[in-house]
Amino acid sequence: MQMSLLAFQNLRFSLNDGPGPALAGQVQPRSVLEIKGPSGAGKSTLLRVLARLSPFEEGNITFRGKPSSTVAAPLWRRQVQYLHQQPVLVDGTVEDNLRLPWSLKGYQEVPRPEEDDLFSALERLSLDGSLLHRDSRLLSGGEKARVALARSFLAGPTVLLLDEPTASLDEESRKALLKALRQWLEIGADERGLVLVSHRDDRAYFDRGMTLELEPRRGGQS
């Protein structure tokens, strides 16, 4: 049987109204794990726990069979990368933002992308290359979301954790983003996977995957 890229068993973490239920799921190579559930069920918190940005109380998480406790946090976050629902961009140009990972210690040994790589990453998401030198503060919400995803493509993670990636997009931009994700997932020699939280039917754009349904809970944490 093929080894999961990312898996979790009996995973419990705290929510606003107390301990959450024990959760289990896995991400197979070139497939999608969809996280569904109402507001307050813990979807966003689960993504943060899987990215090791928030703690968990019980259970275990593995990456390619290795327990999270045996992998240094910077290396884990390089391979299992979380994209917040609100795109995080720094002041500066789009190019500054695309190169941001290489200012971090965890990327010192990762080759820096050439300018042609930056143009290609933007074009994959139906963004004009002329945006490269634009002030990031002048971008629309949809452009910011796609620039953040282009940055993740360049950084080369194995698993992407996406929190409502199409929420701020019009239908044309949404289709462009989902097409780029599907190509990233399926094309190339590297094995990759997605964990996807979405209130829209984004899962339908992918051929392989499974769904984890979270139960309704009280409180406002999502």
N, C-alpha and C. Protein backbone atom coordinates (compact mmCIF):
# COMPACT_ATOMS: atom_id res chain seq x y z
N MET A 1 0.84 -1.21 0.00
CA MET A 1 0.00 0.00 0.00
C MET A 1 0.87 1.25 0.00
N GLN A 2 0.48 2.24 -0.79
CA GLN A 2 1.24 3.47 -0.90
C GLN A 2 1.20 4.27 0.41
N MET A 3 2.38 4.78 0.83
CA MET A 3 2.44 5.54 2.07
C MET A 3 1.80 6.91 1.91
N SER A 4 1.05 7.34 2.93
CA SER A 4 0.45 8.67 2.92
C SER A 4 1.53 9.73 3.00
N LEU A 5 1.28 10.87 2.38
CA LEU A 5 2.18 12.01 2.54
C LEU A 5 2.02 12.61 3.93
N LEU A 6 0.78 12.79 4.34
CA LEU A 6 0.45 13.37 5.64
C LEU A 6 -0.69 12.57 6.22
N ALA A 7 -0.59 12.22 7.50
CA ALA A 7 -1.65 11.45 8.15
C ALA A 7 -1.78 11.87 9.60
N PHE A 8 -2.97 11.73 10.15
CA PHE A 8 -3.20 12.00 11.57
C PHE A 8 -4.23 11.01 12.09
N GLN A 9 -4.00 10.57 13.34
CA GLN A 9 -4.88 9.60 13.99
C GLN A 9 -5.18 10.06 15.40
N ASN A 10 -6.44 9.85 15.82
CA ASN A 10 -6.86 10.18 17.19
C ASN A 10 -6.42 11.59 17.61
N LEU A 11 -6.51 12.51 16.67
CA LEU A 11 -5.98 13.86 16.89
C LEU A 11 -7.02 14.72 17.62
N ARG A 12 -6.62 15.25 18.78
CA ARG A 12 -7.49 16.14 19.55
C ARG A 12 -6.77 17.46 19.81
N PHE A 13 -7.52 18.55 19.71
CA PHE A 13 -6.99 19.87 20.04
C PHE A 13 -8.12 20.70 20.62
N SER A 14 -7.76 21.76 21.32
CA SER A 14 -8.75 22.58 22.01
C SER A 14 -9.41 23.57 21.06
N LEU A 15 -10.70 23.78 21.28
CA LEU A 15 -11.47 24.81 20.59
C LEU A 15 -12.01 25.77 21.65
N ASN A 16 -12.72 26.77 21.22
CA ASN A 16 -13.23 27.79 22.15
C ASN A 16 -14.08 27.20 23.27
N ASP A 17 -14.84 26.16 22.94
CA ASP A 17 -15.77 25.61 23.92
C ASP A 17 -15.25 24.32 24.55
N GLY A 18 -13.94 24.08 24.46
CA GLY A 18 -13.37 22.90 25.11
C GLY A 18 -12.71 21.97 24.13
N PRO A 19 -12.31 20.78 24.58
CA PRO A 19 -11.62 19.82 23.72
C PRO A 19 -12.47 19.41 22.53
N GLY A 20 -11.82 19.27 21.39
CA GLY A 20 -12.52 18.82 20.20
C GLY A 20 -12.56 17.31 20.12
N PRO A 21 -13.29 16.76 19.14
CA PRO A 21 -13.37 15.30 18.98
C PRO A 21 -12.06 14.74 18.43
N ALA A 22 -11.87 13.44 18.54
CA ALA A 22 -10.70 12.77 17.96
C ALA A 22 -10.91 12.68 16.45
N LEU A 23 -9.91 13.15 15.69
CA LEU A 23 -10.01 13.20 14.22
C LEU A 23 -8.95 12.30 13.59
N ALA A 24 -9.27 11.80 12.41
CA ALA A 24 -8.32 10.99 11.66
C ALA A 24 -8.49 11.30 10.18
N GLY A 25 -7.38 11.29 9.46
CA GLY A 25 -7.42 11.53 8.02
C GLY A 25 -6.04 11.32 7.42
N GLN A 26 -5.98 11.30 6.10
CA GLN A 26 -4.71 11.13 5.42
C GLN A 26 -4.75 11.79 4.06
N VAL A 27 -3.56 12.15 3.59
CA VAL A 27 -3.41 12.74 2.26
C VAL A 27 -2.53 11.80 1.44
N GLN A 28 -3.13 11.18 0.44
CA GLN A 28 -2.40 10.30 -0.45
C GLN A 28 -1.71 11.12 -1.55
N PRO A 29 -0.63 10.59 -2.14
CA PRO A 29 0.03 11.31 -3.23
C PRO A 29 -0.94 11.66 -4.36
N ARG A 30 -0.85 12.90 -4.83
CA ARG A 30 -1.65 13.42 -5.93
C ARG A 30 -3.15 13.38 -5.65
N SER A 31 -3.51 13.60 -4.38
CA SER A 31 -4.92 13.59 -4.02
C SER A 31 -5.24 14.73 -3.07
N VAL A 32 -6.52 14.91 -2.79
CA VAL A 32 -7.03 16.01 -1.96
C VAL A 32 -7.77 15.45 -0.75
N LEU A 33 -7.47 15.99 0.42
CA LEU A 33 -8.30 15.75 1.60
C LEU A 33 -9.12 17.00 1.81
N GLU A 34 -10.43 16.87 1.63
CA GLU A 34 -11.35 18.00 1.80
C GLU A 34 -11.86 18.02 3.24
N ILE A 35 -11.80 19.19 3.87
CA ILE A 35 -12.31 19.36 5.22
C ILE A 35 -13.61 20.15 5.15
N LYS A 36 -14.71 19.54 5.56
CA LYS A 36 -16.01 20.18 5.52
C LYS A 36 -16.55 20.33 6.94
N GLY A 37 -17.52 21.22 7.08
CA GLY A 37 -18.16 21.41 8.37
C GLY A 37 -18.62 22.84 8.54
N PRO A 38 -19.53 23.08 9.46
CA PRO A 38 -20.06 24.42 9.68
C PRO A 38 -19.05 25.31 10.39
N SER A 39 -19.33 26.60 10.43
CA SER A 39 -18.49 27.54 11.15
C SER A 39 -18.42 27.14 12.62
N GLY A 40 -17.21 27.20 13.18
CA GLY A 40 -17.01 26.82 14.56
C GLY A 40 -16.64 25.37 14.78
N ALA A 41 -16.59 24.57 13.71
CA ALA A 41 -16.31 23.14 13.86
C ALA A 41 -14.83 22.84 14.04
N GLY A 42 -13.95 23.81 13.71
CA GLY A 42 -12.52 23.60 13.91
C GLY A 42 -11.73 23.38 12.64
N LYS A 43 -12.27 23.75 11.50
CA LYS A 43 -11.59 23.49 10.22
C LYS A 43 -10.26 24.24 10.12
N SER A 44 -10.30 25.54 10.36
CA SER A 44 -9.07 26.34 10.29
C SER A 44 -8.07 25.93 11.35
N THR A 45 -8.57 25.61 12.54
CA THR A 45 -7.67 25.17 13.61
C THR A 45 -6.98 23.88 13.23
N LEU A 46 -7.69 22.96 12.60
CA LEU A 46 -7.09 21.72 12.15
C LEU A 46 -5.94 21.99 11.19
N LEU A 47 -6.12 22.91 10.25
CA LEU A 47 -5.03 23.24 9.32
C LEU A 47 -3.81 23.77 10.08
N ARG A 48 -4.04 24.63 11.05
CA ARG A 48 -2.93 25.19 11.81
C ARG A 48 -2.21 24.12 12.64
N VAL A 49 -2.97 23.17 13.16
CA VAL A 49 -2.35 22.07 13.91
C VAL A 49 -1.50 21.21 12.97
N LEU A 50 -2.03 20.91 11.78
CA LEU A 50 -1.28 20.09 10.82
C LEU A 50 0.00 20.80 10.37
N ALA A 51 -0.03 22.14 10.34
CA ALA A 51 1.15 22.91 9.96
C ALA A 51 2.10 23.14 11.13
N ARG A 52 1.72 22.66 12.30
CA ARG A 52 2.49 22.84 13.55
C ARG A 52 2.62 24.32 13.91
N LEU A 53 1.54 25.04 13.68
CA LEU A 53 1.43 26.43 14.10
C LEU A 53 0.58 26.55 15.36
N SER A 54 -0.17 25.50 15.69
CA SER A 54 -0.96 25.43 16.91
C SER A 54 -0.74 24.04 17.52
N PRO A 55 -0.83 23.93 18.85
CA PRO A 55 -0.55 22.64 19.49
C PRO A 55 -1.74 21.69 19.41
N PHE A 56 -1.46 20.41 19.62
CA PHE A 56 -2.53 19.44 19.79
C PHE A 56 -2.31 18.71 21.11
N GLU A 57 -3.37 18.11 21.64
CA GLU A 57 -3.34 17.53 22.98
C GLU A 57 -3.14 16.02 22.98
N GLU A 58 -3.69 15.35 21.99
CA GLU A 58 -3.60 13.90 21.93
C GLU A 58 -3.44 13.47 20.48
N GLY A 59 -3.03 12.22 20.29
CA GLY A 59 -2.93 11.66 18.96
C GLY A 59 -1.57 11.88 18.34
N ASN A 60 -1.49 11.67 17.02
CA ASN A 60 -0.22 11.85 16.33
C ASN A 60 -0.44 12.31 14.90
N ILE A 61 0.59 12.98 14.38
CA ILE A 61 0.63 13.45 13.00
C ILE A 61 1.93 12.94 12.40
N THR A 62 1.86 12.40 11.19
CA THR A 62 3.07 11.92 10.52
C THR A 62 3.20 12.54 9.14
N PHE A 63 4.44 12.74 8.72
CA PHE A 63 4.75 13.17 7.37
C PHE A 63 5.64 12.11 6.74
N ARG A 64 5.14 11.49 5.68
CA ARG A 64 5.84 10.35 5.05
C ARG A 64 6.23 9.30 6.10
N GLY A 65 5.34 9.05 7.02
CA GLY A 65 5.56 8.04 8.03
C GLY A 65 6.35 8.47 9.23
N LYS A 66 6.91 9.68 9.23
CA LYS A 66 7.73 10.16 10.35
C LYS A 66 6.86 10.98 11.31
N PRO A 67 6.88 10.65 12.60
CA PRO A 67 6.09 11.43 13.57
C PRO A 67 6.55 12.89 13.59
N SER A 68 5.61 13.79 13.83
CA SER A 68 5.93 15.22 13.84
C SER A 68 6.99 15.55 14.89
N SER A 69 7.03 14.78 15.98
CA SER A 69 7.99 15.05 17.04
C SER A 69 9.43 14.79 16.62
N THR A 70 9.63 14.07 15.52
CA THR A 70 10.98 13.73 15.07
C THR A 70 11.47 14.63 13.95
N VAL A 71 10.64 15.58 13.52
CA VAL A 71 11.01 16.47 12.40
C VAL A 71 11.07 17.90 12.93
N ALA A 72 12.18 18.58 12.68
CA ALA A 72 12.33 19.97 13.12
C ALA A 72 11.21 20.83 12.53
N ALA A 73 10.68 21.75 13.35
CA ALA A 73 9.54 22.57 12.92
C ALA A 73 9.80 23.34 11.63
N PRO A 74 10.98 24.00 11.44
CA PRO A 74 11.19 24.73 10.18
C PRO A 74 11.15 23.81 8.96
N LEU A 75 11.69 22.60 9.07
CA LEU A 75 11.65 21.66 7.96
C LEU A 75 10.23 21.19 7.70
N TRP A 76 9.50 20.91 8.79
CA TRP A 76 8.10 20.49 8.64
C TRP A 76 7.30 21.55 7.89
N ARG A 77 7.45 22.80 8.30
CA ARG A 77 6.65 23.87 7.70
C ARG A 77 7.07 24.18 6.27
N ARG A 78 8.28 23.80 5.91
CA ARG A 78 8.70 23.94 4.52
C ARG A 78 8.01 22.90 3.64
N GLN A 79 7.80 21.71 4.20
CA GLN A 79 7.18 20.62 3.45
C GLN A 79 5.66 20.61 3.55
N VAL A 80 5.13 21.07 4.69
CA VAL A 80 3.69 21.11 4.92
C VAL A 80 3.33 22.57 5.14
N GLN A 81 2.86 23.22 4.10
CA GLN A 81 2.75 24.69 4.11
C GLN A 81 1.29 25.13 4.18
N TYR A 82 1.04 26.06 5.10
CA TYR A 82 -0.31 26.56 5.37
C TYR A 82 -0.52 27.92 4.71
N LEU A 83 -1.64 28.06 3.98
CA LEU A 83 -2.03 29.34 3.40
C LEU A 83 -3.31 29.81 4.08
N HIS A 84 -3.19 30.92 4.78
CA HIS A 84 -4.32 31.52 5.50
C HIS A 84 -5.38 31.99 4.51
N GLN A 85 -6.62 32.05 4.99
CA GLN A 85 -7.71 32.54 4.14
C GLN A 85 -7.47 33.97 3.68
N GLN A 86 -6.90 34.81 4.56
CA GLN A 86 -6.53 36.16 4.18
C GLN A 86 -5.06 36.16 3.76
N PRO A 87 -4.76 36.42 2.49
CA PRO A 87 -3.37 36.33 2.01
C PRO A 87 -2.43 37.22 2.82
N VAL A 88 -1.29 36.66 3.18
CA VAL A 88 -0.29 37.40 3.96
C VAL A 88 0.80 37.90 3.00
N LEU A 89 0.78 39.21 2.73
CA LEU A 89 1.79 39.83 1.89
C LEU A 89 2.49 40.93 2.69
N VAL A 90 3.77 41.10 2.44
CA VAL A 90 4.54 42.14 3.13
C VAL A 90 4.60 43.38 2.25
N ASP A 91 4.94 44.51 2.85
CA ASP A 91 5.13 45.73 2.08
C ASP A 91 6.29 45.54 1.10
N GLY A 92 6.11 46.05 -0.10
CA GLY A 92 7.11 45.90 -1.13
C GLY A 92 6.44 45.47 -2.42
N THR A 93 7.24 45.04 -3.36
CA THR A 93 6.71 44.63 -4.66
C THR A 93 6.23 43.18 -4.62
N VAL A 94 5.55 42.79 -5.68
CA VAL A 94 5.15 41.39 -5.83
C VAL A 94 6.40 40.50 -5.85
N GLU A 95 7.45 40.96 -6.51
CA GLU A 95 8.69 40.18 -6.52
C GLU A 95 9.23 39.98 -5.11
N ASP A 96 9.19 41.03 -4.29
CA ASP A 96 9.65 40.90 -2.90
C ASP A 96 8.87 39.81 -2.18
N ASN A 97 7.58 39.75 -2.44
CA ASN A 97 6.74 38.76 -1.78
C ASN A 97 6.99 37.35 -2.31
N LEU A 98 7.23 37.22 -3.58
CA LEU A 98 7.50 35.89 -4.14
C LEU A 98 8.83 35.34 -3.63
N ARG A 99 9.75 36.22 -3.32
CA ARG A 99 11.07 35.79 -2.84
C ARG A 99 11.14 35.71 -1.30
N LEU A 100 10.06 36.02 -0.64
CA LEU A 100 10.06 36.08 0.82
C LEU A 100 10.56 34.80 1.50
N PRO A 101 10.17 33.59 1.06
CA PRO A 101 10.65 32.39 1.76
C PRO A 101 12.17 32.31 1.87
N TRP A 102 12.89 32.86 0.91
CA TRP A 102 14.34 32.74 0.89
C TRP A 102 15.03 33.71 1.85
N SER A 103 14.22 34.49 2.58
CA SER A 103 14.76 35.30 3.66
C SER A 103 14.72 34.54 4.98
N LEU A 104 14.14 33.33 4.98
CA LEU A 104 13.99 32.52 6.18
C LEU A 104 15.10 31.48 6.27
N LYS A 105 15.45 31.13 7.49
CA LYS A 105 16.54 30.19 7.73
C LYS A 105 16.28 28.84 7.08
N GLY A 106 15.04 28.40 7.08
CA GLY A 106 14.71 27.08 6.55
C GLY A 106 14.93 26.93 5.07
N TYR A 107 15.13 28.04 4.36
CA TYR A 107 15.30 27.98 2.90
C TYR A 107 16.72 28.31 2.44
N GLN A 108 17.66 28.35 3.37
CA GLN A 108 19.02 28.73 3.02
C GLN A 108 19.65 27.77 2.01
N GLU A 109 19.26 26.50 2.06
CA GLU A 109 19.83 25.51 1.16
C GLU A 109 18.96 25.25 -0.06
N VAL A 110 17.85 25.97 -0.19
CA VAL A 110 16.95 25.80 -1.33
C VAL A 110 17.33 26.81 -2.41
N PRO A 111 17.54 26.35 -3.66
CA PRO A 111 17.93 27.28 -4.73
C PRO A 111 16.93 28.42 -4.89
N ARG A 112 17.44 29.63 -5.02
CA ARG A 112 16.57 30.79 -5.23
C ARG A 112 16.02 30.77 -6.65
N PRO A 113 14.76 31.12 -6.83
CA PRO A 113 14.18 31.13 -8.18
C PRO A 113 14.75 32.26 -9.03
N GLU A 114 14.91 31.99 -10.31
CA GLU A 114 15.31 33.02 -11.25
C GLU A 114 14.10 33.87 -11.61
N GLU A 115 14.35 35.00 -12.25
CA GLU A 115 13.23 35.90 -12.60
C GLU A 115 12.25 35.20 -13.53
N ASP A 116 12.74 34.36 -14.44
CA ASP A 116 11.84 33.63 -15.34
C ASP A 116 10.91 32.71 -14.55
N ASP A 117 11.41 32.15 -13.46
CA ASP A 117 10.58 31.30 -12.61
C ASP A 117 9.44 32.10 -11.98
N LEU A 118 9.74 33.34 -11.60
CA LEU A 118 8.72 34.21 -11.00
C LEU A 118 7.63 34.53 -12.02
N PHE A 119 8.05 34.87 -13.24
CA PHE A 119 7.07 35.14 -14.30
C PHE A 119 6.20 33.91 -14.54
N SER A 120 6.81 32.74 -14.60
CA SER A 120 6.06 31.51 -14.89
C SER A 120 5.05 31.21 -13.79
N ALA A 121 5.46 31.44 -12.54
CA ALA A 121 4.55 31.19 -11.42
C ALA A 121 3.32 32.09 -11.49
N LEU A 122 3.52 33.35 -11.87
CA LEU A 122 2.38 34.27 -12.02
C LEU A 122 1.48 33.84 -13.18
N GLU A 123 2.10 33.47 -14.29
CA GLU A 123 1.32 33.10 -15.48
C GLU A 123 0.50 31.84 -15.24
N ARG A 124 1.00 30.91 -14.42
CA ARG A 124 0.25 29.70 -14.12
C ARG A 124 -1.08 30.03 -13.44
N LEU A 125 -1.13 31.18 -12.79
CA LEU A 125 -2.34 31.59 -12.08
C LEU A 125 -3.06 32.72 -12.81
N SER A 126 -2.79 32.82 -14.10
CA SER A 126 -3.45 33.82 -14.97
C SER A 126 -3.22 35.24 -14.49
N LEU A 127 -2.00 35.51 -14.00
CA LEU A 127 -1.58 36.86 -13.61
C LEU A 127 -0.53 37.35 -14.59
N ASP A 128 -0.66 38.60 -15.00
CA ASP A 128 0.28 39.17 -15.96
C ASP A 128 1.64 39.37 -15.31
N GLY A 129 2.68 39.07 -16.07
CA GLY A 129 4.04 39.22 -15.55
C GLY A 129 4.39 40.64 -15.17
N SER A 130 3.65 41.62 -15.70
CA SER A 130 3.93 43.02 -15.36
C SER A 130 3.64 43.31 -13.89
N LEU A 131 2.91 42.42 -13.22
CA LEU A 131 2.65 42.61 -11.79
C LEU A 131 3.90 42.46 -10.95
N LEU A 132 4.94 41.87 -11.50
CA LEU A 132 6.11 41.51 -10.71
C LEU A 132 6.69 42.71 -9.96
N HIS A 133 6.66 43.88 -10.59
CA HIS A 133 7.27 45.06 -9.98
C HIS A 133 6.23 46.03 -9.40
N ARG A 134 4.99 45.56 -9.28
CA ARG A 134 3.94 46.40 -8.71
C ARG A 134 3.97 46.34 -7.19
N ASP A 135 3.60 47.46 -6.55
CA ASP A 135 3.47 47.52 -5.11
C ASP A 135 2.37 46.54 -4.67
N SER A 136 2.68 45.65 -3.76
CA SER A 136 1.72 44.64 -3.35
C SER A 136 0.47 45.24 -2.70
N ARG A 137 0.58 46.46 -2.16
CA ARG A 137 -0.58 47.09 -1.53
C ARG A 137 -1.64 47.51 -2.54
N LEU A 138 -1.27 47.56 -3.83
CA LEU A 138 -2.21 47.98 -4.86
C LEU A 138 -2.96 46.82 -5.49
N LEU A 139 -2.68 45.61 -5.05
CA LEU A 139 -3.34 44.44 -5.62
C LEU A 139 -4.76 44.29 -5.08
N SER A 140 -5.61 43.72 -5.89
CA SER A 140 -6.96 43.37 -5.44
C SER A 140 -6.88 42.15 -4.53
N GLY A 141 -7.99 41.85 -3.83
CA GLY A 141 -8.01 40.68 -2.97
C GLY A 141 -7.75 39.40 -3.72
N GLY A 142 -8.33 39.28 -4.92
CA GLY A 142 -8.12 38.09 -5.73
C GLY A 142 -6.68 37.96 -6.22
N GLU A 143 -6.07 39.09 -6.57
CA GLU A 143 -4.67 39.07 -6.99
C GLU A 143 -3.76 38.68 -5.84
N LYS A 144 -4.05 39.19 -4.66
CA LYS A 144 -3.23 38.85 -3.48
C LYS A 144 -3.30 37.34 -3.20
N ALA A 145 -4.50 36.77 -3.30
CA ALA A 145 -4.66 35.34 -3.05
C ALA A 145 -3.83 34.52 -4.03
N ARG A 146 -3.80 34.94 -5.28
CA ARG A 146 -3.06 34.17 -6.29
C ARG A 146 -1.55 34.39 -6.18
N VAL A 147 -1.13 35.60 -5.78
CA VAL A 147 0.31 35.84 -5.55
C VAL A 147 0.80 34.98 -4.39
N ALA A 148 -0.01 34.87 -3.33
CA ALA A 148 0.37 34.04 -2.19
C ALA A 148 0.51 32.58 -2.61
N LEU A 149 -0.38 32.11 -3.48
CA LEU A 149 -0.29 30.74 -3.95
C LEU A 149 0.91 30.56 -4.87
N ALA A 150 1.18 31.55 -5.73
CA ALA A 150 2.37 31.48 -6.60
C ALA A 150 3.64 31.36 -5.76
N ARG A 151 3.70 32.09 -4.66
CA ARG A 151 4.84 32.00 -3.75
C ARG A 151 4.99 30.59 -3.20
N SER A 152 3.87 29.95 -2.87
CA SER A 152 3.94 28.58 -2.37
C SER A 152 4.41 27.62 -3.45
N PHE A 153 3.95 27.79 -4.66
CA PHE A 153 4.44 26.95 -5.75
C PHE A 153 5.96 27.04 -5.86
N LEU A 154 6.48 28.26 -5.80
CA LEU A 154 7.92 28.47 -5.92
C LEU A 154 8.68 27.84 -4.76
N ALA A 155 8.09 27.87 -3.57
CA ALA A 155 8.76 27.35 -2.38
C ALA A 155 8.85 25.83 -2.37
N GLY A 156 8.02 25.16 -3.17
CA GLY A 156 8.15 23.73 -3.36
C GLY A 156 7.74 22.84 -2.20
N PRO A 157 6.61 23.07 -1.54
CA PRO A 157 6.17 22.16 -0.47
C PRO A 157 5.68 20.84 -1.05
N THR A 158 5.54 19.86 -0.18
CA THR A 158 4.96 18.58 -0.56
C THR A 158 3.45 18.58 -0.37
N VAL A 159 3.00 19.20 0.72
CA VAL A 159 1.57 19.28 1.02
C VAL A 159 1.20 20.74 1.24
N LEU A 160 0.14 21.17 0.59
CA LEU A 160 -0.40 22.51 0.79
C LEU A 160 -1.68 22.41 1.61
N LEU A 161 -1.78 23.24 2.65
CA LEU A 161 -2.96 23.33 3.49
C LEU A 161 -3.66 24.64 3.15
N LEU A 162 -4.79 24.57 2.49
CA LEU A 162 -5.44 25.75 1.93
C LEU A 162 -6.75 26.04 2.64
N ASP A 163 -6.86 27.24 3.22
CA ASP A 163 -8.04 27.65 3.96
C ASP A 163 -8.88 28.60 3.10
N GLU A 164 -9.94 28.08 2.53
CA GLU A 164 -10.85 28.87 1.68
C GLU A 164 -10.08 29.64 0.60
N PRO A 165 -9.32 28.96 -0.26
CA PRO A 165 -8.47 29.67 -1.23
C PRO A 165 -9.25 30.43 -2.30
N THR A 166 -10.52 30.07 -2.53
CA THR A 166 -11.28 30.74 -3.58
C THR A 166 -12.35 31.67 -3.03
N ALA A 167 -12.36 31.91 -1.73
CA ALA A 167 -13.45 32.67 -1.11
C ALA A 167 -13.56 34.08 -1.66
N SER A 168 -12.43 34.73 -1.99
CA SER A 168 -12.46 36.13 -2.42
C SER A 168 -12.39 36.28 -3.94
N LEU A 169 -12.54 35.18 -4.67
CA LEU A 169 -12.34 35.22 -6.12
C LEU A 169 -13.65 35.23 -6.89
N ASP A 170 -13.65 35.95 -8.02
CA ASP A 170 -14.77 35.81 -8.94
C ASP A 170 -14.65 34.46 -9.64
N GLU A 171 -15.65 34.09 -10.41
CA GLU A 171 -15.68 32.74 -10.98
C GLU A 171 -14.53 32.48 -11.94
N GLU A 172 -14.15 33.47 -12.73
CA GLU A 172 -13.05 33.28 -13.68
C GLU A 172 -11.73 33.06 -12.94
N SER A 173 -11.48 33.88 -11.92
CA SER A 173 -10.25 33.73 -11.14
C SER A 173 -10.25 32.44 -10.35
N ARG A 174 -11.42 32.06 -9.85
CA ARG A 174 -11.54 30.79 -9.12
C ARG A 174 -11.14 29.62 -10.00
N LYS A 175 -11.65 29.59 -11.22
CA LYS A 175 -11.33 28.49 -12.11
C LYS A 175 -9.84 28.46 -12.45
N ALA A 176 -9.25 29.65 -12.62
CA ALA A 176 -7.82 29.71 -12.93
C ALA A 176 -7.00 29.17 -11.76
N LEU A 177 -7.38 29.52 -10.54
CA LEU A 177 -6.65 29.05 -9.36
C LEU A 177 -6.79 27.54 -9.20
N LEU A 178 -8.00 27.02 -9.36
CA LEU A 178 -8.21 25.58 -9.20
C LEU A 178 -7.52 24.79 -10.30
N LYS A 179 -7.49 25.32 -11.50
CA LYS A 179 -6.77 24.66 -12.59
C LYS A 179 -5.28 24.59 -12.27
N ALA A 180 -4.72 25.69 -11.76
CA ALA A 180 -3.30 25.71 -11.40
C ALA A 180 -3.01 24.72 -10.27
N LEU A 181 -3.91 24.62 -9.29
CA LEU A 181 -3.72 23.66 -8.21
C LEU A 181 -3.76 22.22 -8.74
N ARG A 182 -4.68 21.96 -9.63
CA ARG A 182 -4.77 20.60 -10.19
C ARG A 182 -3.52 20.25 -10.98
N GLN A 183 -3.00 21.19 -11.75
CA GLN A 183 -1.77 20.94 -12.49
C GLN A 183 -0.60 20.74 -11.54
N TRP A 184 -0.51 21.57 -10.50
CA TRP A 184 0.56 21.43 -9.51
C TRP A 184 0.52 20.04 -8.85
N LEU A 185 -0.70 19.58 -8.59
CA LEU A 185 -0.90 18.31 -7.91
C LEU A 185 -0.54 17.11 -8.79
N GLU A 186 -0.89 17.18 -10.07
CA GLU A 186 -0.84 16.01 -10.92
C GLU A 186 0.35 15.95 -11.87
N ILE A 187 0.96 17.11 -12.18
CA ILE A 187 2.02 17.13 -13.18
C ILE A 187 3.38 17.24 -12.50
N GLY A 188 4.32 16.46 -12.98
CA GLY A 188 5.67 16.51 -12.42
C GLY A 188 6.02 15.22 -11.70
N ALA A 189 7.29 15.04 -11.45
CA ALA A 189 7.77 13.81 -10.84
C ALA A 189 7.52 13.76 -9.34
N ASP A 190 7.44 14.91 -8.68
CA ASP A 190 7.29 14.94 -7.22
C ASP A 190 5.87 14.56 -6.80
N GLU A 191 5.77 13.81 -5.71
CA GLU A 191 4.47 13.48 -5.14
C GLU A 191 4.00 14.63 -4.27
N ARG A 192 2.77 15.07 -4.49
CA ARG A 192 2.23 16.22 -3.78
C ARG A 192 0.81 15.93 -3.33
N GLY A 193 0.34 16.71 -2.35
CA GLY A 193 -1.01 16.54 -1.87
C GLY A 193 -1.60 17.86 -1.39
N LEU A 194 -2.92 17.88 -1.24
CA LEU A 194 -3.64 19.07 -0.81
C LEU A 194 -4.58 18.74 0.34
N VAL A 195 -4.66 19.66 1.30
CA VAL A 195 -5.75 19.66 2.27
C VAL A 195 -6.53 20.94 2.03
N LEU A 196 -7.81 20.81 1.79
CA LEU A 196 -8.61 21.92 1.27
C LEU A 196 -9.85 22.16 2.12
N VAL A 197 -9.93 23.37 2.69
CA VAL A 197 -11.15 23.82 3.36
C VAL A 197 -11.86 24.76 2.40
N SER A 198 -13.13 24.50 2.12
CA SER A 198 -13.87 25.38 1.21
C SER A 198 -15.36 25.21 1.42
N HIS A 199 -16.08 26.35 1.42
CA HIS A 199 -17.53 26.30 1.46
C HIS A 199 -18.11 26.15 0.06
N ARG A 200 -17.26 26.32 -0.96
CA ARG A 200 -17.70 26.14 -2.32
C ARG A 200 -17.35 24.71 -2.76
N ASP A 201 -17.84 24.32 -3.91
CA ASP A 201 -17.63 22.94 -4.37
C ASP A 201 -16.30 22.82 -5.10
N ASP A 202 -15.21 23.24 -4.44
CA ASP A 202 -13.90 23.21 -5.09
C ASP A 202 -13.37 21.79 -5.27
N ARG A 203 -13.78 20.89 -4.39
CA ARG A 203 -13.31 19.50 -4.46
C ARG A 203 -13.64 18.86 -5.81
N ALA A 204 -14.71 19.31 -6.46
CA ALA A 204 -15.15 18.70 -7.72
C ALA A 204 -14.14 18.88 -8.85
N TYR A 205 -13.18 19.82 -8.69
CA TYR A 205 -12.19 20.06 -9.74
C TYR A 205 -11.06 19.03 -9.72
N PHE A 206 -11.04 18.15 -8.72
CA PHE A 206 -9.94 17.21 -8.57
C PHE A 206 -10.43 15.78 -8.73
N ASP A 207 -9.57 14.95 -9.31
CA ASP A 207 -9.96 13.58 -9.63
C ASP A 207 -9.91 12.63 -8.44
N ARG A 208 -8.97 12.85 -7.53
CA ARG A 208 -8.76 11.91 -6.44
C ARG A 208 -8.84 12.62 -5.10
N GLY A 209 -9.47 11.96 -4.13
CA GLY A 209 -9.50 12.55 -2.80
C GLY A 209 -10.55 11.93 -1.91
N MET A 210 -10.61 12.48 -0.69
CA MET A 210 -11.59 12.03 0.29
C MET A 210 -12.04 13.24 1.10
N THR A 211 -13.11 13.07 1.86
CA THR A 211 -13.68 14.17 2.64
C THR A 211 -13.74 13.80 4.11
N LEU A 212 -13.33 14.75 4.95
CA LEU A 212 -13.48 14.63 6.40
C LEU A 212 -14.52 15.65 6.84
N GLU A 213 -15.61 15.16 7.38
CA GLU A 213 -16.73 16.03 7.80
C GLU A 213 -16.64 16.27 9.30
N LEU A 214 -16.49 17.54 9.71
CA LEU A 214 -16.44 17.90 11.12
C LEU A 214 -17.86 18.20 11.63
N GLU A 215 -18.10 17.82 12.86
CA GLU A 215 -19.43 17.99 13.44
C GLU A 215 -19.63 19.43 13.92
N PRO A 216 -20.88 19.91 13.92
CA PRO A 216 -21.16 21.26 14.44
C PRO A 216 -20.78 21.37 15.91
N ARG A 217 -20.29 22.58 16.31
CA ARG A 217 -19.93 22.84 17.70
C ARG A 217 -20.38 24.26 18.06
N ARG A 218 -20.45 24.51 19.34
CA ARG A 218 -20.74 25.85 19.79
C ARG A 218 -19.45 26.67 19.80
N GLY A 219 -19.59 27.99 19.72
CA GLY A 219 -18.41 28.85 19.74
C GLY A 219 -18.12 29.34 18.35
N GLY A 220 -17.21 30.33 18.25
CA GLY A 220 -16.96 30.98 16.97
C GLY A 220 -15.69 30.59 16.28
N GLN A 221 -14.91 29.67 16.85
CA GLN A 221 -13.64 29.32 16.23
C GLN A 221 -13.91 28.41 15.05
N SER A 222 -13.27 28.69 13.90
CA SER A 222 -13.57 27.91 12.71
C SER A 222 -12.51 26.88 12.41
